[in-house]
Amino acid sequence: MKVLCHHIYEYKKGLRHLVLHTLDSSFRYDAEWKLKQQGIEYVVREVSASKINLFFGNKECIDIIREIGDKKLNEFTPEEDFMLGTMLGYNPLQQCKRYLNKKEKERNFLFKYLTPNIA
């Protein structure tokens, strides 16, 4: 919860537009209470039975997370992954490399499984 408070501080100071905070699901209601008390938009996504991802920040960023839907992070398309990384403030060049890598893997998968096997 101390890290959550620090993330809230960074958001309130304008250092971040969107925060992704992973925490034990037993802290969910305490975390939601803190965000509601501060008037901060948020979305909760379950990671497992014992962990959640808490996205919070600017309304526009949260609206995009809602638009993407209730997916696990590893189910994001390369485009969704790129947008998320960019909104979280990750290194733009690293995000470009990550996107290109994911697209290459996607193309290889599609080629392998959707190309007719000609003998």
Protein backbone atom coordinates (compact mmCIF):
# COMPACT_ATOMS: atom_id res chain seq x y z
CA MET A 1 0.00 0.00 0.00
CA LYS A 2 2.99 2.32 0.51
CA VAL A 3 3.89 1.93 -3.16
CA LEU A 4 0.28 2.67 -4.10
CA CYS A 5 0.43 5.89 -2.07
CA HIS A 6 3.63 6.82 -3.88
CA HIS A 7 1.99 6.15 -7.26
CA ILE A 8 -0.96 8.35 -6.25
CA TYR A 9 1.51 11.08 -5.24
CA GLU A 10 3.27 10.87 -8.63
CA TYR A 11 -0.05 11.01 -10.46
CA LYS A 12 -1.26 13.99 -8.44
CA LYS A 13 2.04 15.83 -9.15
CA GLY A 14 1.58 15.25 -12.89
CA LEU A 15 4.54 12.89 -13.27
CA ARG A 16 2.28 10.18 -14.70
CA HIS A 17 -0.93 10.22 -16.71
CA LEU A 18 -1.64 6.55 -16.12
CA VAL A 19 -0.44 4.13 -13.46
CA LEU A 20 -0.51 0.34 -13.51
CA HIS A 21 -0.22 -1.00 -9.98
CA THR A 22 -0.30 -4.74 -9.27
CA LEU A 23 -1.26 -5.77 -5.77
CA ASP A 24 -2.63 -8.60 -3.70
CA SER A 25 -6.39 -8.81 -4.15
CA SER A 26 -6.87 -8.66 -0.38
CA PHE A 27 -5.98 -4.93 -0.64
CA ARG A 28 -8.47 -4.25 -3.43
CA TYR A 29 -11.13 -2.45 -1.39
CA ASP A 30 -8.59 -0.38 0.55
CA ALA A 31 -6.98 0.68 -2.74
CA GLU A 32 -10.33 1.50 -4.34
CA TRP A 33 -11.33 3.52 -1.26
CA LYS A 34 -8.10 5.58 -1.49
CA LEU A 35 -8.68 6.31 -5.18
CA LYS A 36 -12.34 7.21 -4.68
CA GLN A 37 -11.39 9.47 -1.78
CA GLN A 38 -8.94 11.31 -4.08
CA GLY A 39 -11.46 11.47 -6.95
CA ILE A 40 -9.15 9.46 -9.25
CA GLU A 41 -10.55 7.42 -12.15
CA TYR A 42 -9.57 3.74 -12.05
CA VAL A 43 -10.23 0.27 -13.43
CA VAL A 44 -9.51 -3.07 -11.76
CA ARG A 45 -8.50 -6.14 -13.76
CA GLU A 46 -8.01 -9.54 -12.16
CA VAL A 47 -4.64 -11.17 -12.79
CA SER A 48 -5.29 -14.31 -10.75
CA ALA A 49 -7.32 -15.37 -7.73
CA SER A 50 -4.85 -13.56 -5.50
CA LYS A 51 -3.62 -10.60 -7.61
CA ILE A 52 -5.18 -7.62 -9.37
CA ASN A 53 -3.98 -4.93 -11.74
CA LEU A 54 -5.18 -1.50 -10.75
CA PHE A 55 -5.07 1.09 -13.54
CA PHE A 56 -5.62 4.67 -12.47
CA GLY A 57 -5.06 8.13 -13.85
CA ASN A 58 -6.51 10.58 -16.34
CA LYS A 59 -10.04 9.82 -17.47
CA GLU A 60 -9.03 9.61 -21.13
CA CYS A 61 -6.41 6.94 -20.37
CA ILE A 62 -8.84 4.97 -18.21
CA ASP A 63 -11.46 5.20 -20.99
CA ILE A 64 -8.96 3.57 -23.36
CA ILE A 65 -8.33 0.76 -20.85
CA ARG A 66 -12.09 0.26 -20.60
CA GLU A 67 -12.35 0.26 -24.41
CA ILE A 68 -9.69 -2.47 -24.67
CA GLY A 69 -11.86 -4.57 -22.39
CA ASP A 70 -11.38 -7.04 -19.61
CA LYS A 71 -8.31 -8.81 -21.00
CA LYS A 72 -5.16 -9.99 -19.32
CA LEU A 73 -2.05 -8.03 -20.36
CA ASN A 74 -0.65 -11.01 -22.29
CA GLU A 75 -3.84 -11.05 -24.39
CA PHE A 76 -3.40 -7.46 -25.64
CA THR A 77 -2.85 -7.05 -29.36
CA PRO A 78 0.50 -5.53 -30.36
CA GLU A 79 -1.31 -2.24 -30.96
CA GLU A 80 -3.01 -2.29 -27.54
CA ASP A 81 0.28 -3.22 -25.88
CA PHE A 82 2.00 -0.31 -27.64
CA MET A 83 -0.69 2.16 -26.57
CA LEU A 84 -0.55 0.95 -22.98
CA GLY A 85 3.23 1.22 -22.79
CA THR A 86 3.11 4.70 -24.28
CA MET A 87 0.40 5.84 -21.86
CA LEU A 88 2.40 4.43 -18.94
CA GLY A 89 5.35 6.57 -20.02
CA TYR A 90 7.69 3.77 -21.02
CA ASN A 91 10.65 4.54 -23.28
CA PRO A 92 9.19 5.29 -26.75
CA LEU A 93 12.05 3.62 -28.62
CA GLN A 94 11.73 0.48 -26.49
CA GLN A 95 7.98 0.49 -27.14
CA CYS A 96 8.61 0.68 -30.89
CA LYS A 97 11.03 -2.25 -30.71
CA ARG A 98 8.58 -4.24 -28.56
CA TYR A 99 5.75 -3.53 -31.02
CA LEU A 100 7.80 -4.61 -34.04
CA ASN A 101 8.88 -7.78 -32.23
CA LYS A 102 5.27 -8.65 -31.36
CA LYS A 103 4.13 -7.97 -34.94
CA GLU A 104 6.88 -10.24 -36.29
CA LYS A 105 5.80 -13.04 -33.94
CA GLU A 106 2.19 -12.50 -34.99
CA ARG A 107 3.12 -12.70 -38.69
CA ASN A 108 5.17 -15.85 -38.13
CA PHE A 109 2.29 -17.47 -36.25
CA LEU A 110 -0.22 -16.58 -38.96
CA PHE A 111 2.11 -17.79 -41.72
CA LYS A 112 2.77 -21.08 -39.94
CA TYR A 113 -0.85 -21.90 -39.15
CA LEU A 114 -2.77 -20.27 -41.97
CA THR A 115 -0.59 -21.08 -44.97
CA PRO A 116 -1.74 -24.18 -46.86
CA ASN A 117 0.74 -27.03 -46.61
CA ILE A 118 1.67 -27.76 -50.21
CA ALA A 119 3.57 -30.99 -50.70
